Amino acid sequence: MTNSRVMTLLKVVMFSGLCLITLGIYLHLFNQTIDEMGVQGIIISAACVAVGMVMSLPTKMIITFILVKRESEHTDRVLNNRT
């Protein structure tokens, strides 16, 4: 896989994670069905938030590492062209 495909895939995973976090918050605060379910409803909304956080947080770090690597390679190329 090329870096651009990895970046695109990680962005999709991160966006999906953010959507799950938003869904979990919506379910917990505004959905009456989840409220009527009691503890099971709380578990469902908390699971959405938890899975969303798992999907969104590590991908941000990976994207940062890839961008730092790309920047260092670019800096190396620029410095090599000057000499």
C-alpha atoms as a PDB file:
ATOM      1  CA  MET A   1       0.000   0.000   0.000  1.00  0.00           C
ATOM      2  CA  THR A   2       1.216   3.458  -0.801  1.00  0.00           C
ATOM      3  CA  ASN A   3       1.338   6.218   1.786  1.00  0.00           C
ATOM      4  CA  SER A   4      -1.585   8.020   0.179  1.00  0.00           C
ATOM      5  CA  ARG A   5      -3.779   4.921   0.418  1.00  0.00           C
ATOM      6  CA  VAL A   6      -2.773   4.365   4.044  1.00  0.00           C
ATOM      7  CA  MET A   7      -3.532   7.990   4.825  1.00  0.00           C
ATOM      8  CA  THR A   8      -6.932   7.755   3.128  1.00  0.00           C
ATOM      9  CA  LEU A   9      -7.767   4.536   4.960  1.00  0.00           C
ATOM     10  CA  LEU A  10      -6.732   5.988   8.313  1.00  0.00           C
ATOM     11  CA  LYS A  11      -8.782   9.126   7.686  1.00  0.00           C
ATOM     12  CA  VAL A  12     -11.844   6.985   6.910  1.00  0.00           C
ATOM     13  CA  VAL A  13     -11.322   4.965  10.111  1.00  0.00           C
ATOM     14  CA  MET A  14     -10.847   8.151  12.122  1.00  0.00           C
ATOM     15  CA  PHE A  15     -14.003   9.721  10.657  1.00  0.00           C
ATOM     16  CA  SER A  16     -15.964   6.521  11.379  1.00  0.00           C
ATOM     17  CA  GLY A  17     -14.723   6.632  14.961  1.00  0.00           C
ATOM     18  CA  LEU A  18     -15.869  10.213  15.358  1.00  0.00           C
ATOM     19  CA  CYS A  19     -19.263   9.265  13.938  1.00  0.00           C
ATOM     20  CA  LEU A  20     -19.556   6.416  16.461  1.00  0.00           C
ATOM     21  CA  ILE A  21     -18.685   8.780  19.306  1.00  0.00           C
ATOM     22  CA  THR A  22     -21.370  11.190  18.111  1.00  0.00           C
ATOM     23  CA  LEU A  23     -23.864   8.324  17.782  1.00  0.00           C
ATOM     24  CA  GLY A  24     -23.130   7.157  21.325  1.00  0.00           C
ATOM     25  CA  ILE A  25     -23.636  10.656  22.709  1.00  0.00           C
ATOM     26  CA  TYR A  26     -26.874  11.033  20.755  1.00  0.00           C
ATOM     27  CA  LEU A  27     -28.151   7.676  21.980  1.00  0.00           C
ATOM     28  CA  HIS A  28     -27.297   8.499  25.572  1.00  0.00           C
ATOM     29  CA  LEU A  29     -28.768  11.994  25.640  1.00  0.00           C
ATOM     30  CA  PHE A  30     -31.664  12.122  23.196  1.00  0.00           C
ATOM     31  CA  ASN A  31     -32.971   8.633  22.349  1.00  0.00           C
ATOM     32  CA  GLN A  32     -35.956   7.500  24.411  1.00  0.00           C
ATOM     33  CA  THR A  33     -35.640   3.827  23.433  1.00  0.00           C
ATOM     34  CA  ILE A  34     -32.156   3.612  24.894  1.00  0.00           C
ATOM     35  CA  ASP A  35     -33.415   5.426  27.999  1.00  0.00           C
ATOM     36  CA  GLU A  36     -36.219   2.891  28.445  1.00  0.00           C
ATOM     37  CA  MET A  37     -33.810  -0.040  28.090  1.00  0.00           C
ATOM     38  CA  GLY A  38     -32.098   0.897  31.352  1.00  0.00           C
ATOM     39  CA  VAL A  39     -28.651  -0.555  31.968  1.00  0.00           C
ATOM     40  CA  GLN A  40     -28.557  -2.313  28.605  1.00  0.00           C
ATOM     41  CA  GLY A  41     -29.179   1.006  26.855  1.00  0.00           C
ATOM     42  CA  ILE A  42     -26.353   2.623  28.789  1.00  0.00           C
ATOM     43  CA  ILE A  43     -24.057  -0.246  27.791  1.00  0.00           C
ATOM     44  CA  ILE A  44     -25.010   0.171  24.110  1.00  0.00           C
ATOM     45  CA  SER A  45     -24.353   3.910  24.093  1.00  0.00           C
ATOM     46  CA  ALA A  46     -21.114   3.485  26.066  1.00  0.00           C
ATOM     47  CA  ALA A  47     -19.957   0.765  23.657  1.00  0.00           C
ATOM     48  CA  CYS A  48     -20.511   3.106  20.709  1.00  0.00           C
ATOM     49  CA  VAL A  49     -18.402   5.778  22.386  1.00  0.00           C
ATOM     50  CA  ALA A  50     -15.701   3.287  23.414  1.00  0.00           C
ATOM     51  CA  VAL A  51     -15.371   1.732  19.958  1.00  0.00           C
ATOM     52  CA  GLY A  52     -15.371   5.193  18.407  1.00  0.00           C
ATOM     53  CA  MET A  53     -12.539   6.305  20.673  1.00  0.00           C
ATOM     54  CA  VAL A  54     -10.550   3.185  19.897  1.00  0.00           C
ATOM     55  CA  MET A  55     -11.001   3.855  16.188  1.00  0.00           C
ATOM     56  CA  SER A  56     -10.228   7.566  16.305  1.00  0.00           C
ATOM     57  CA  LEU A  57      -7.326   8.052  18.718  1.00  0.00           C
ATOM     58  CA  PRO A  58      -4.587   5.707  17.439  1.00  0.00           C
ATOM     59  CA  THR A  59      -5.125   6.716  13.837  1.00  0.00           C
ATOM     60  CA  LYS A  60      -4.343  10.332  14.705  1.00  0.00           C
ATOM     61  CA  MET A  61      -0.980   9.249  16.072  1.00  0.00           C
ATOM     62  CA  ILE A  62      -0.240   7.125  13.010  1.00  0.00           C
ATOM     63  CA  ILE A  63      -1.144   9.968  10.659  1.00  0.00           C
ATOM     64  CA  THR A  64       1.157  12.263  12.664  1.00  0.00           C
ATOM     65  CA  PHE A  65       4.029   9.761  12.408  1.00  0.00           C
ATOM     66  CA  ILE A  66       3.558   9.430   8.640  1.00  0.00           C
ATOM     67  CA  LEU A  67       3.458  13.209   8.204  1.00  0.00           C
ATOM     68  CA  VAL A  68       6.599  13.690  10.314  1.00  0.00           C
ATOM     69  CA  LYS A  69       8.398  11.016   8.280  1.00  0.00           C
ATOM     70  CA  ARG A  70       7.312  12.671   5.029  1.00  0.00           C
ATOM     71  CA  GLU A  71       8.477  16.079   6.272  1.00  0.00           C
ATOM     72  CA  SER A  72      11.879  14.735   7.330  1.00  0.00           C
ATOM     73  CA  GLU A  73      12.336  13.066   3.933  1.00  0.00           C
ATOM     74  CA  HIS A  74      11.430  16.332   2.214  1.00  0.00           C
ATOM     75  CA  THR A  75      13.895  18.252   4.400  1.00  0.00           C
ATOM     76  CA  ASP A  76      16.631  15.728   3.596  1.00  0.00           C
ATOM     77  CA  ARG A  77      15.977  16.129  -0.141  1.00  0.00           C
ATOM     78  CA  VAL A  78      16.094  19.922   0.100  1.00  0.00           C
ATOM     79  CA  LEU A  79      19.360  19.842   2.059  1.00  0.00           C
ATOM     80  CA  ASN A  80      20.926  17.370  -0.376  1.00  0.00           C
ATOM     81  CA  ASN A  81      20.016  19.564  -3.350  1.00  0.00           C
ATOM     82  CA  ARG A  82      21.726  22.615  -1.797  1.00  0.00           C
ATOM     83  CA  THR A  83      25.125  20.959  -1.592  1.00  0.00           C
END
